[in-house]
Protein backbone atom coordinates (compact mmCIF):
# COMPACT_ATOMS: atom_id res chain seq x y z
CA UNK A 1 0.00 0.00 0.00
CA UNK A 2 1.09 3.56 -0.65
CA UNK A 3 2.42 5.40 2.39
CA UNK A 4 2.04 9.18 2.73
CA UNK A 5 4.14 11.14 5.22
CA UNK A 6 2.56 14.40 6.34
CA UNK A 7 2.96 17.08 9.01
CA UNK A 8 0.42 18.60 11.38
CA UNK A 9 -2.93 18.81 9.59
CA UNK A 10 -3.71 22.18 11.13
CA UNK A 11 -0.61 23.82 9.67
CA UNK A 12 0.85 21.74 6.84
CA UNK A 13 -0.58 23.14 3.62
CA UNK A 14 1.77 21.13 1.40
CA UNK A 15 0.77 17.91 3.15
CA UNK A 16 -2.89 18.74 2.67
CA UNK A 17 -2.65 18.72 -1.12
CA UNK A 18 -1.76 15.05 -1.79
CA UNK A 19 -3.73 13.80 1.24
CA UNK A 20 -6.91 15.46 -0.01
CA UNK A 21 -6.21 14.38 -3.58
CA UNK A 22 -5.78 10.73 -2.61
CA UNK A 23 -8.66 10.66 -0.14
CA UNK A 24 -11.13 12.38 -2.44
CA UNK A 25 -10.08 10.25 -5.42
CA UNK A 26 -10.36 7.03 -3.41
CA UNK A 27 -6.69 6.02 -3.63
CA UNK A 28 -5.88 3.81 -0.62
CA UNK A 29 -2.86 4.83 1.46
CA UNK A 30 -1.37 4.62 4.91
CA UNK A 31 -0.96 7.95 6.67
CA UNK A 32 2.23 8.63 8.64
CA UNK A 33 1.98 11.91 10.53
CA UNK A 34 5.17 13.49 11.84
CA UNK A 35 4.49 16.17 14.45
CA UNK A 36 6.08 19.55 13.90
CA UNK A 37 8.29 20.25 16.91
CA UNK A 38 10.81 22.47 15.17
CA UNK A 39 12.43 22.76 11.79
CA UNK A 40 15.92 22.91 13.27
CA UNK A 41 18.30 20.32 11.77
CA UNK A 42 18.46 18.38 15.06
CA UNK A 43 14.70 18.42 15.73
CA UNK A 44 12.80 15.16 16.03
CA UNK A 45 10.75 16.08 12.96
CA UNK A 46 13.85 16.65 10.84
CA UNK A 47 15.44 13.43 12.06
CA UNK A 48 12.31 11.41 11.32
CA UNK A 49 11.64 12.77 7.86
CA UNK A 50 15.34 12.89 7.01
CA UNK A 51 15.51 9.14 7.52
CA UNK A 52 13.17 8.58 4.56
CA UNK A 53 13.46 11.79 2.53
CA UNK A 54 16.84 13.43 1.90
CA UNK A 55 15.05 16.72 1.20
CA UNK A 56 13.93 16.74 4.83
CA UNK A 57 10.36 17.86 4.12
CA UNK A 58 6.80 16.62 3.95
CA UNK A 59 4.85 15.46 2.08
CA UNK A 60 6.56 12.28 1.00
CA UNK A 61 4.92 9.39 -0.84
CA UNK A 62 6.41 5.91 -0.62
CA UNK A 63 5.38 3.29 -3.15
CA UNK A 64 7.31 0.29 -1.96
CA UNK A 65 10.94 1.41 -2.08
CA UNK A 66 10.19 4.28 -4.48
CA UNK A 67 10.16 7.69 -2.77
CA UNK A 68 8.32 10.62 -4.34
CA UNK A 69 8.65 13.98 -2.62
CA UNK A 70 7.25 17.43 -3.37
CA UNK A 71 3.49 17.78 -3.68
CA UNK A 72 3.51 18.49 -7.42
CA UNK A 73 5.69 15.47 -8.16
CA UNK A 74 3.38 13.33 -6.02
CA UNK A 75 0.35 14.60 -7.93
CA UNK A 76 2.01 13.81 -11.27
CA UNK A 77 2.98 10.33 -10.06
CA UNK A 78 -0.57 9.61 -8.93
CA UNK A 79 -1.97 10.83 -12.25
CA UNK A 80 0.44 8.53 -14.10
CA UNK A 81 -0.27 5.48 -11.96
CA UNK A 82 -4.05 6.01 -11.82
CA UNK A 83 -5.00 7.21 -15.31
CA UNK A 84 -8.54 5.90 -14.88
CA UNK A 85 -9.20 8.57 -12.24
CA UNK A 86 -8.58 11.48 -14.65
CA UNK A 87 -6.84 13.57 -11.99
CA UNK A 88 -5.78 15.96 -14.74
CA UNK A 89 -8.44 17.02 -17.28
CA UNK A 90 -8.82 14.79 -20.33
CA UNK A 91 -8.31 17.41 -23.02
CA UNK A 92 -4.77 18.56 -23.78
CA UNK A 93 -5.53 22.31 -23.57
CA UNK A 94 -7.29 21.84 -20.24
CA UNK A 95 -4.41 19.73 -18.90
CA UNK A 96 -1.94 22.45 -19.87
CA UNK A 97 -4.00 25.06 -18.09
CA UNK A 98 -4.47 22.87 -15.00
CA UNK A 99 -0.75 22.22 -14.80
CA UNK A 100 -0.07 25.93 -15.25
CA UNK A 101 -2.34 27.06 -12.42
CA UNK A 102 -0.95 24.34 -10.14
CA UNK A 103 2.61 25.37 -10.96
CA UNK A 104 1.67 29.00 -10.29
CA UNK A 105 0.37 27.95 -6.88
CA UNK A 106 3.48 25.87 -6.28
CA UNK A 107 5.91 28.71 -6.96
CA UNK A 108 3.88 31.86 -6.40
CA UNK A 109 1.61 33.76 -4.04
CA UNK A 110 4.48 34.30 -1.63
CA UNK A 111 2.91 37.31 0.08
CA UNK A 112 -0.29 35.44 0.96
CA UNK A 113 1.54 32.32 2.06
CA UNK A 114 4.00 34.28 4.19
CA UNK A 115 1.51 36.61 5.85
CA UNK A 116 -1.41 34.20 6.20
CA UNK A 117 -0.11 30.84 7.34
CA UNK A 118 -2.52 27.92 7.19
CA UNK A 119 -4.20 27.49 10.56
CA UNK A 120 -7.49 25.67 10.16
CA UNK A 121 -8.69 25.85 13.75
CA UNK A 122 -8.16 29.60 14.04
CA UNK A 123 -10.47 32.45 13.10
CA UNK A 124 -8.46 35.66 12.77
CA UNK A 125 -10.58 38.30 11.02
CA UNK A 126 -8.90 41.15 12.91
CA UNK A 127 -5.46 40.06 11.74
CA UNK A 128 -6.82 39.59 8.24
CA UNK A 129 -8.31 43.08 8.19
CA UNK A 130 -4.96 44.62 9.14
CA UNK A 131 -3.11 42.58 6.54
CA UNK A 132 -5.66 43.52 3.89
CA UNK A 133 -5.29 47.19 4.76
CA UNK A 134 -1.50 47.29 4.98
CA UNK A 135 -0.15 44.53 2.72
CA UNK A 136 -0.45 45.27 -1.01
CA UNK A 137 1.14 41.92 -1.82
CA UNK A 138 -1.64 40.04 -0.03
CA UNK A 139 -4.29 42.01 -1.91
CA UNK A 140 -2.52 41.35 -5.23
CA UNK A 141 -2.22 37.61 -4.54
CA UNK A 142 -5.90 37.31 -3.62
CA UNK A 143 -6.89 39.28 -6.72
CA UNK A 144 -4.93 36.87 -8.91
CA UNK A 145 -6.44 33.82 -7.19
CA UNK A 146 -9.93 35.25 -7.64
CA UNK A 147 -9.15 35.84 -11.31
CA UNK A 148 -8.02 32.23 -11.78
CA UNK A 149 -10.99 30.73 -9.98
CA UNK A 150 -13.62 32.93 -11.63
CA UNK A 151 -12.21 32.29 -15.08
CA UNK A 152 -12.08 28.51 -14.66
CA UNK A 153 -15.48 28.24 -12.98
CA UNK A 154 -17.10 30.32 -15.71
CA UNK A 155 -15.38 28.38 -18.48
CA UNK A 156 -16.17 24.91 -17.15
CA UNK A 157 -19.44 25.59 -15.38
CA UNK A 158 -18.29 24.31 -11.99
CA UNK A 159 -18.75 22.94 -9.47
CA UNK A 160 -14.97 22.51 -9.36
CA UNK A 161 -12.32 24.44 -11.28
CA UNK A 162 -12.29 22.07 -14.26
CA UNK A 163 -15.83 20.78 -13.80
CA UNK A 164 -15.07 17.73 -11.69
CA UNK A 165 -12.64 17.42 -8.79
CA UNK A 166 -8.99 17.12 -9.73
CA UNK A 167 -5.46 18.08 -8.88
CA UNK A 168 -6.11 21.81 -9.31
CA UNK A 169 -8.80 21.79 -6.62
CA UNK A 170 -6.55 19.85 -4.25
CA UNK A 171 -3.73 22.33 -4.85
CA UNK A 172 -5.89 25.34 -4.04
CA UNK A 173 -7.67 23.75 -1.04
CA UNK A 174 -5.12 25.19 1.44
CA UNK A 175 -5.72 28.63 -0.07
CA UNK A 176 -9.39 28.18 0.79
CA UNK A 177 -8.34 27.48 4.38
CA UNK A 178 -6.21 30.63 4.52
CA UNK A 179 -8.92 32.86 3.07
CA UNK A 180 -11.43 31.54 5.60
CA UNK A 181 -9.11 31.78 8.61
CA UNK A 182 -8.25 35.42 7.92
CA UNK A 183 -11.68 36.35 6.51
CA UNK A 184 -10.14 37.93 3.43
CA UNK A 185 -12.78 39.47 1.13
CA UNK A 186 -13.76 37.55 -2.02
CA UNK A 187 -16.71 37.80 -4.44
CA UNK A 188 -19.82 35.72 -3.84
CA UNK A 189 -19.09 33.20 -6.60
CA UNK A 190 -15.63 32.57 -5.16
CA UNK A 191 -17.06 32.23 -1.65
CA UNK A 192 -19.53 29.66 -3.00
CA UNK A 193 -16.69 27.68 -4.57
CA UNK A 194 -14.84 27.77 -1.24
CA UNK A 195 -17.86 26.28 0.51
CA UNK A 196 -18.09 23.52 -2.12
CA UNK A 197 -14.42 22.70 -1.57
CA UNK A 198 -14.91 22.50 2.19
CA UNK A 199 -17.86 20.17 1.68
CA UNK A 200 -15.83 17.65 -0.34
CA UNK A 201 -15.49 14.50 1.79
CA UNK A 202 -11.70 14.52 1.42
CA UNK A 203 -11.40 18.14 2.51
CA UNK A 204 -13.94 17.74 5.31
CA UNK A 205 -11.97 14.76 6.63
CA UNK A 206 -8.74 16.78 6.65
CA UNK A 207 -10.45 19.66 8.47
CA UNK A 208 -11.86 17.23 11.04
CA UNK A 209 -8.38 15.84 11.63
CA UNK A 210 -6.90 19.33 11.94
CA UNK A 211 -9.48 20.40 14.52
CA UNK A 212 -8.90 17.22 16.52
CA UNK A 213 -5.14 17.81 16.88
CA UNK A 214 -5.32 20.58 19.50
CA UNK A 215 -1.56 20.97 19.09
CA UNK A 216 -0.61 24.65 19.38
CA UNK A 217 2.76 25.26 17.73
CA UNK A 218 3.98 28.79 18.67
CA UNK A 219 6.56 28.96 15.87
CA UNK A 220 3.74 28.41 13.36
CA UNK A 221 1.66 31.25 14.84
CA UNK A 222 3.65 34.51 15.10
CA UNK A 223 0.36 36.41 15.35
CA UNK A 224 -0.78 34.59 18.53
CA UNK A 225 1.02 34.05 21.84
CA UNK A 226 -1.50 31.49 23.07
CA UNK A 227 -4.53 29.63 21.87
C-alpha atoms as a PDB file:
ATOM      1  CA  UNK A   1       0.000   0.000   0.000  1.00  0.00           C
ATOM      2  CA  UNK A   2       1.093   3.557  -0.649  1.00  0.00           C
ATOM      3  CA  UNK A   3       2.418   5.404   2.390  1.00  0.00           C
ATOM      4  CA  UNK A   4       2.038   9.185   2.726  1.00  0.00           C
ATOM      5  CA  UNK A   5       4.139  11.137   5.225  1.00  0.00           C
ATOM      6  CA  UNK A   6       2.557  14.396   6.345  1.00  0.00           C
ATOM      7  CA  UNK A   7       2.961  17.076   9.013  1.00  0.00           C
ATOM      8  CA  UNK A   8       0.415  18.598  11.381  1.00  0.00           C
ATOM      9  CA  UNK A   9      -2.928  18.807   9.586  1.00  0.00           C
ATOM     10  CA  UNK A  10      -3.709  22.182  11.133  1.00  0.00           C
ATOM     11  CA  UNK A  11      -0.611  23.815   9.666  1.00  0.00           C
ATOM     12  CA  UNK A  12       0.851  21.738   6.840  1.00  0.00           C
ATOM     13  CA  UNK A  13      -0.584  23.140   3.615  1.00  0.00           C
ATOM     14  CA  UNK A  14       1.767  21.131   1.399  1.00  0.00           C
ATOM     15  CA  UNK A  15       0.771  17.906   3.153  1.00  0.00           C
ATOM     16  CA  UNK A  16      -2.889  18.740   2.671  1.00  0.00           C
ATOM     17  CA  UNK A  17      -2.650  18.718  -1.120  1.00  0.00           C
ATOM     18  CA  UNK A  18      -1.759  15.051  -1.789  1.00  0.00           C
ATOM     19  CA  UNK A  19      -3.731  13.803   1.238  1.00  0.00           C
ATOM     20  CA  UNK A  20      -6.912  15.463  -0.006  1.00  0.00           C
ATOM     21  CA  UNK A  21      -6.214  14.380  -3.577  1.00  0.00           C
ATOM     22  CA  UNK A  22      -5.777  10.728  -2.610  1.00  0.00           C
ATOM     23  CA  UNK A  23      -8.660  10.663  -0.136  1.00  0.00           C
ATOM     24  CA  UNK A  24     -11.133  12.383  -2.439  1.00  0.00           C
ATOM     25  CA  UNK A  25     -10.077  10.249  -5.416  1.00  0.00           C
ATOM     26  CA  UNK A  26     -10.363   7.030  -3.407  1.00  0.00           C
ATOM     27  CA  UNK A  27      -6.695   6.022  -3.635  1.00  0.00           C
ATOM     28  CA  UNK A  28      -5.884   3.814  -0.615  1.00  0.00           C
ATOM     29  CA  UNK A  29      -2.861   4.826   1.457  1.00  0.00           C
ATOM     30  CA  UNK A  30      -1.368   4.616   4.910  1.00  0.00           C
ATOM     31  CA  UNK A  31      -0.957   7.949   6.675  1.00  0.00           C
ATOM     32  CA  UNK A  32       2.230   8.630   8.637  1.00  0.00           C
ATOM     33  CA  UNK A  33       1.985  11.912  10.530  1.00  0.00           C
ATOM     34  CA  UNK A  34       5.166  13.492  11.845  1.00  0.00           C
ATOM     35  CA  UNK A  35       4.494  16.167  14.448  1.00  0.00           C
ATOM     36  CA  UNK A  36       6.077  19.550  13.896  1.00  0.00           C
ATOM     37  CA  UNK A  37       8.291  20.250  16.910  1.00  0.00           C
ATOM     38  CA  UNK A  38      10.810  22.475  15.170  1.00  0.00           C
ATOM     39  CA  UNK A  39      12.427  22.761  11.789  1.00  0.00           C
ATOM     40  CA  UNK A  40      15.921  22.905  13.265  1.00  0.00           C
ATOM     41  CA  UNK A  41      18.304  20.323  11.774  1.00  0.00           C
ATOM     42  CA  UNK A  42      18.463  18.382  15.056  1.00  0.00           C
ATOM     43  CA  UNK A  43      14.703  18.423  15.733  1.00  0.00           C
ATOM     44  CA  UNK A  44      12.805  15.164  16.025  1.00  0.00           C
ATOM     45  CA  UNK A  45      10.745  16.081  12.963  1.00  0.00           C
ATOM     46  CA  UNK A  46      13.846  16.651  10.844  1.00  0.00           C
ATOM     47  CA  UNK A  47      15.444  13.427  12.062  1.00  0.00           C
ATOM     48  CA  UNK A  48      12.315  11.412  11.321  1.00  0.00           C
ATOM     49  CA  UNK A  49      11.641  12.771   7.857  1.00  0.00           C
ATOM     50  CA  UNK A  50      15.338  12.885   7.011  1.00  0.00           C
ATOM     51  CA  UNK A  51      15.515   9.135   7.522  1.00  0.00           C
ATOM     52  CA  UNK A  52      13.174   8.585   4.556  1.00  0.00           C
ATOM     53  CA  UNK A  53      13.456  11.792   2.530  1.00  0.00           C
ATOM     54  CA  UNK A  54      16.840  13.429   1.897  1.00  0.00           C
ATOM     55  CA  UNK A  55      15.052  16.725   1.199  1.00  0.00           C
ATOM     56  CA  UNK A  56      13.933  16.736   4.827  1.00  0.00           C
ATOM     57  CA  UNK A  57      10.363  17.861   4.115  1.00  0.00           C
ATOM     58  CA  UNK A  58       6.798  16.617   3.952  1.00  0.00           C
ATOM     59  CA  UNK A  59       4.854  15.461   2.078  1.00  0.00           C
ATOM     60  CA  UNK A  60       6.565  12.278   0.998  1.00  0.00           C
ATOM     61  CA  UNK A  61       4.915   9.389  -0.842  1.00  0.00           C
ATOM     62  CA  UNK A  62       6.406   5.913  -0.617  1.00  0.00           C
ATOM     63  CA  UNK A  63       5.379   3.292  -3.152  1.00  0.00           C
ATOM     64  CA  UNK A  64       7.313   0.287  -1.963  1.00  0.00           C
ATOM     65  CA  UNK A  65      10.935   1.408  -2.084  1.00  0.00           C
ATOM     66  CA  UNK A  66      10.190   4.280  -4.479  1.00  0.00           C
ATOM     67  CA  UNK A  67      10.157   7.687  -2.767  1.00  0.00           C
ATOM     68  CA  UNK A  68       8.318  10.623  -4.337  1.00  0.00           C
ATOM     69  CA  UNK A  69       8.652  13.983  -2.618  1.00  0.00           C
ATOM     70  CA  UNK A  70       7.254  17.426  -3.368  1.00  0.00           C
ATOM     71  CA  UNK A  71       3.487  17.780  -3.685  1.00  0.00           C
ATOM     72  CA  UNK A  72       3.510  18.491  -7.415  1.00  0.00           C
ATOM     73  CA  UNK A  73       5.691  15.467  -8.158  1.00  0.00           C
ATOM     74  CA  UNK A  74       3.383  13.332  -6.023  1.00  0.00           C
ATOM     75  CA  UNK A  75       0.345  14.596  -7.931  1.00  0.00           C
ATOM     76  CA  UNK A  76       2.010  13.808 -11.268  1.00  0.00           C
ATOM     77  CA  UNK A  77       2.978  10.326 -10.064  1.00  0.00           C
ATOM     78  CA  UNK A  78      -0.573   9.613  -8.932  1.00  0.00           C
ATOM     79  CA  UNK A  79      -1.970  10.829 -12.252  1.00  0.00           C
ATOM     80  CA  UNK A  80       0.437   8.526 -14.102  1.00  0.00           C
ATOM     81  CA  UNK A  81      -0.267   5.476 -11.955  1.00  0.00           C
ATOM     82  CA  UNK A  82      -4.052   6.007 -11.815  1.00  0.00           C
ATOM     83  CA  UNK A  83      -5.004   7.210 -15.315  1.00  0.00           C
ATOM     84  CA  UNK A  84      -8.539   5.897 -14.883  1.00  0.00           C
ATOM     85  CA  UNK A  85      -9.198   8.575 -12.237  1.00  0.00           C
ATOM     86  CA  UNK A  86      -8.580  11.484 -14.647  1.00  0.00           C
ATOM     87  CA  UNK A  87      -6.845  13.573 -11.990  1.00  0.00           C
ATOM     88  CA  UNK A  88      -5.780  15.961 -14.742  1.00  0.00           C
ATOM     89  CA  UNK A  89      -8.443  17.016 -17.276  1.00  0.00           C
ATOM     90  CA  UNK A  90      -8.821  14.786 -20.331  1.00  0.00           C
ATOM     91  CA  UNK A  91      -8.314  17.412 -23.017  1.00  0.00           C
ATOM     92  CA  UNK A  92      -4.773  18.563 -23.775  1.00  0.00           C
ATOM     93  CA  UNK A  93      -5.529  22.311 -23.574  1.00  0.00           C
ATOM     94  CA  UNK A  94      -7.289  21.841 -20.236  1.00  0.00           C
ATOM     95  CA  UNK A  95      -4.406  19.730 -18.902  1.00  0.00           C
ATOM     96  CA  UNK A  96      -1.942  22.446 -19.871  1.00  0.00           C
ATOM     97  CA  UNK A  97      -3.998  25.058 -18.086  1.00  0.00           C
ATOM     98  CA  UNK A  98      -4.475  22.868 -15.003  1.00  0.00           C
ATOM     99  CA  UNK A  99      -0.747  22.217 -14.803  1.00  0.00           C
ATOM    100  CA  UNK A 100      -0.075  25.926 -15.248  1.00  0.00           C
ATOM    101  CA  UNK A 101      -2.337  27.063 -12.419  1.00  0.00           C
ATOM    102  CA  UNK A 102      -0.946  24.344 -10.142  1.00  0.00           C
ATOM    103  CA  UNK A 103       2.608  25.374 -10.955  1.00  0.00           C
ATOM    104  CA  UNK A 104       1.666  28.997 -10.287  1.00  0.00           C
ATOM    105  CA  UNK A 105       0.372  27.946  -6.877  1.00  0.00           C
ATOM    106  CA  UNK A 106       3.476  25.872  -6.278  1.00  0.00           C
ATOM    107  CA  UNK A 107       5.911  28.715  -6.956  1.00  0.00           C
ATOM    108  CA  UNK A 108       3.879  31.862  -6.404  1.00  0.00           C
ATOM    109  CA  UNK A 109       1.611  33.761  -4.039  1.00  0.00           C
ATOM    110  CA  UNK A 110       4.480  34.300  -1.626  1.00  0.00           C
ATOM    111  CA  UNK A 111       2.909  37.306   0.078  1.00  0.00           C
ATOM    112  CA  UNK A 112      -0.291  35.442   0.956  1.00  0.00           C
ATOM    113  CA  UNK A 113       1.539  32.318   2.064  1.00  0.00           C
ATOM    114  CA  UNK A 114       4.003  34.277   4.186  1.00  0.00           C
ATOM    115  CA  UNK A 115       1.509  36.609   5.852  1.00  0.00           C
ATOM    116  CA  UNK A 116      -1.414  34.196   6.196  1.00  0.00           C
ATOM    117  CA  UNK A 117      -0.112  30.841   7.337  1.00  0.00           C
ATOM    118  CA  UNK A 118      -2.518  27.918   7.194  1.00  0.00           C
ATOM    119  CA  UNK A 119      -4.203  27.491  10.565  1.00  0.00           C
ATOM    120  CA  UNK A 120      -7.494  25.674  10.156  1.00  0.00           C
ATOM    121  CA  UNK A 121      -8.691  25.847  13.745  1.00  0.00           C
ATOM    122  CA  UNK A 122      -8.157  29.605  14.039  1.00  0.00           C
ATOM    123  CA  UNK A 123     -10.473  32.445  13.098  1.00  0.00           C
ATOM    124  CA  UNK A 124      -8.457  35.662  12.773  1.00  0.00           C
ATOM    125  CA  UNK A 125     -10.581  38.302  11.022  1.00  0.00           C
ATOM    126  CA  UNK A 126      -8.901  41.154  12.912  1.00  0.00           C
ATOM    127  CA  UNK A 127      -5.455  40.056  11.740  1.00  0.00           C
ATOM    128  CA  UNK A 128      -6.822  39.587   8.240  1.00  0.00           C
ATOM    129  CA  UNK A 129      -8.307  43.081   8.189  1.00  0.00           C
ATOM    130  CA  UNK A 130      -4.956  44.622   9.141  1.00  0.00           C
ATOM    131  CA  UNK A 131      -3.110  42.578   6.536  1.00  0.00           C
ATOM    132  CA  UNK A 132      -5.663  43.517   3.888  1.00  0.00           C
ATOM    133  CA  UNK A 133      -5.289  47.187   4.756  1.00  0.00           C
ATOM    134  CA  UNK A 134      -1.501  47.293   4.979  1.00  0.00           C
ATOM    135  CA  UNK A 135      -0.149  44.532   2.717  1.00  0.00           C
ATOM    136  CA  UNK A 136      -0.448  45.273  -1.009  1.00  0.00           C
ATOM    137  CA  UNK A 137       1.142  41.924  -1.823  1.00  0.00           C
ATOM    138  CA  UNK A 138      -1.637  40.041  -0.035  1.00  0.00           C
ATOM    139  CA  UNK A 139      -4.291  42.008  -1.914  1.00  0.00           C
ATOM    140  CA  UNK A 140      -2.520  41.347  -5.228  1.00  0.00           C
ATOM    141  CA  UNK A 141      -2.219  37.610  -4.543  1.00  0.00           C
ATOM    142  CA  UNK A 142      -5.896  37.311  -3.620  1.00  0.00           C
ATOM    143  CA  UNK A 143      -6.890  39.281  -6.716  1.00  0.00           C
ATOM    144  CA  UNK A 144      -4.934  36.869  -8.913  1.00  0.00           C
ATOM    145  CA  UNK A 145      -6.442  33.821  -7.188  1.00  0.00           C
ATOM    146  CA  UNK A 146      -9.929  35.248  -7.635  1.00  0.00           C
ATOM    147  CA  UNK A 147      -9.148  35.839 -11.309  1.00  0.00           C
ATOM    148  CA  UNK A 148      -8.015  32.227 -11.777  1.00  0.00           C
ATOM    149  CA  UNK A 149     -10.991  30.731  -9.981  1.00  0.00           C
ATOM    150  CA  UNK A 150     -13.616  32.925 -11.626  1.00  0.00           C
ATOM    151  CA  UNK A 151     -12.208  32.289 -15.079  1.00  0.00           C
ATOM    152  CA  UNK A 152     -12.081  28.510 -14.663  1.00  0.00           C
ATOM    153  CA  UNK A 153     -15.478  28.244 -12.981  1.00  0.00           C
ATOM    154  CA  UNK A 154     -17.098  30.320 -15.713  1.00  0.00           C
ATOM    155  CA  UNK A 155     -15.377  28.378 -18.480  1.00  0.00           C
ATOM    156  CA  UNK A 156     -16.166  24.909 -17.148  1.00  0.00           C
ATOM    157  CA  UNK A 157     -19.444  25.593 -15.377  1.00  0.00           C
ATOM    158  CA  UNK A 158     -18.288  24.310 -11.989  1.00  0.00           C
ATOM    159  CA  UNK A 159     -18.748  22.943  -9.466  1.00  0.00           C
ATOM    160  CA  UNK A 160     -14.966  22.509  -9.355  1.00  0.00           C
ATOM    161  CA  UNK A 161     -12.317  24.437 -11.279  1.00  0.00           C
ATOM    162  CA  UNK A 162     -12.292  22.066 -14.259  1.00  0.00           C
ATOM    163  CA  UNK A 163     -15.827  20.780 -13.801  1.00  0.00           C
ATOM    164  CA  UNK A 164     -15.072  17.729 -11.694  1.00  0.00           C
ATOM    165  CA  UNK A 165     -12.639  17.418  -8.786  1.00  0.00           C
ATOM    166  CA  UNK A 166      -8.988  17.116  -9.732  1.00  0.00           C
ATOM    167  CA  UNK A 167      -5.457  18.080  -8.882  1.00  0.00           C
ATOM    168  CA  UNK A 168      -6.112  21.805  -9.306  1.00  0.00           C
ATOM    169  CA  UNK A 169      -8.804  21.789  -6.621  1.00  0.00           C
ATOM    170  CA  UNK A 170      -6.553  19.848  -4.251  1.00  0.00           C
ATOM    171  CA  UNK A 171      -3.733  22.328  -4.847  1.00  0.00           C
ATOM    172  CA  UNK A 172      -5.895  25.338  -4.042  1.00  0.00           C
ATOM    173  CA  UNK A 173      -7.673  23.749  -1.044  1.00  0.00           C
ATOM    174  CA  UNK A 174      -5.119  25.189   1.438  1.00  0.00           C
ATOM    175  CA  UNK A 175      -5.724  28.629  -0.073  1.00  0.00           C
ATOM    176  CA  UNK A 176      -9.390  28.183   0.788  1.00  0.00           C
ATOM    177  CA  UNK A 177      -8.341  27.482   4.383  1.00  0.00           C
ATOM    178  CA  UNK A 178      -6.213  30.635   4.516  1.00  0.00           C
ATOM    179  CA  UNK A 179      -8.921  32.858   3.070  1.00  0.00           C
ATOM    180  CA  UNK A 180     -11.431  31.540   5.599  1.00  0.00           C
ATOM    181  CA  UNK A 181      -9.106  31.779   8.615  1.00  0.00           C
ATOM    182  CA  UNK A 182      -8.245  35.416   7.921  1.00  0.00           C
ATOM    183  CA  UNK A 183     -11.681  36.346   6.509  1.00  0.00           C
ATOM    184  CA  UNK A 184     -10.143  37.931   3.430  1.00  0.00           C
ATOM    185  CA  UNK A 185     -12.782  39.473   1.131  1.00  0.00           C
ATOM    186  CA  UNK A 186     -13.764  37.552  -2.016  1.00  0.00           C
ATOM    187  CA  UNK A 187     -16.712  37.800  -4.443  1.00  0.00           C
ATOM    188  CA  UNK A 188     -19.821  35.722  -3.835  1.00  0.00           C
ATOM    189  CA  UNK A 189     -19.085  33.198  -6.602  1.00  0.00           C
ATOM    190  CA  UNK A 190     -15.630  32.570  -5.160  1.00  0.00           C
ATOM    191  CA  UNK A 191     -17.062  32.229  -1.647  1.00  0.00           C
ATOM    192  CA  UNK A 192     -19.534  29.662  -3.000  1.00  0.00           C
ATOM    193  CA  UNK A 193     -16.687  27.682  -4.572  1.00  0.00           C
ATOM    194  CA  UNK A 194     -14.845  27.771  -1.244  1.00  0.00           C
ATOM    195  CA  UNK A 195     -17.862  26.276   0.505  1.00  0.00           C
ATOM    196  CA  UNK A 196     -18.093  23.522  -2.118  1.00  0.00           C
ATOM    197  CA  UNK A 197     -14.417  22.700  -1.575  1.00  0.00           C
ATOM    198  CA  UNK A 198     -14.905  22.505   2.193  1.00  0.00           C
ATOM    199  CA  UNK A 199     -17.863  20.168   1.679  1.00  0.00           C
ATOM    200  CA  UNK A 200     -15.833  17.655  -0.342  1.00  0.00           C
ATOM    201  CA  UNK A 201     -15.488  14.496   1.788  1.00  0.00           C
ATOM    202  CA  UNK A 202     -11.697  14.519   1.418  1.00  0.00           C
ATOM    203  CA  UNK A 203     -11.396  18.136   2.515  1.00  0.00           C
ATOM    204  CA  UNK A 204     -13.936  17.735   5.306  1.00  0.00           C
ATOM    205  CA  UNK A 205     -11.973  14.756   6.634  1.00  0.00           C
ATOM    206  CA  UNK A 206      -8.743  16.776   6.648  1.00  0.00           C
ATOM    207  CA  UNK A 207     -10.448  19.659   8.465  1.00  0.00           C
ATOM    208  CA  UNK A 208     -11.861  17.230  11.037  1.00  0.00           C
ATOM    209  CA  UNK A 209      -8.380  15.844  11.629  1.00  0.00           C
ATOM    210  CA  UNK A 210      -6.899  19.326  11.940  1.00  0.00           C
ATOM    211  CA  UNK A 211      -9.476  20.395  14.520  1.00  0.00           C
ATOM    212  CA  UNK A 212      -8.895  17.221  16.518  1.00  0.00           C
ATOM    213  CA  UNK A 213      -5.144  17.811  16.883  1.00  0.00           C
ATOM    214  CA  UNK A 214      -5.323  20.579  19.501  1.00  0.00           C
ATOM    215  CA  UNK A 215      -1.564  20.970  19.091  1.00  0.00           C
ATOM    216  CA  UNK A 216      -0.607  24.646  19.385  1.00  0.00           C
ATOM    217  CA  UNK A 217       2.762  25.259  17.734  1.00  0.00           C
ATOM    218  CA  UNK A 218       3.977  28.785  18.669  1.00  0.00           C
ATOM    219  CA  UNK A 219       6.559  28.963  15.868  1.00  0.00           C
ATOM    220  CA  UNK A 220       3.739  28.414  13.364  1.00  0.00           C
ATOM    221  CA  UNK A 221       1.657  31.249  14.837  1.00  0.00           C
ATOM    222  CA  UNK A 222       3.648  34.506  15.098  1.00  0.00           C
ATOM    223  CA  UNK A 223       0.356  36.408  15.353  1.00  0.00           C
ATOM    224  CA  UNK A 224      -0.780  34.594  18.527  1.00  0.00           C
ATOM    225  CA  UNK A 225       1.025  34.054  21.841  1.00  0.00           C
ATOM    226  CA  UNK A 226      -1.496  31.493  23.069  1.00  0.00           C
ATOM    227  CA  UNK A 227      -4.530  29.632  21.871  1.00  0.00           C
END
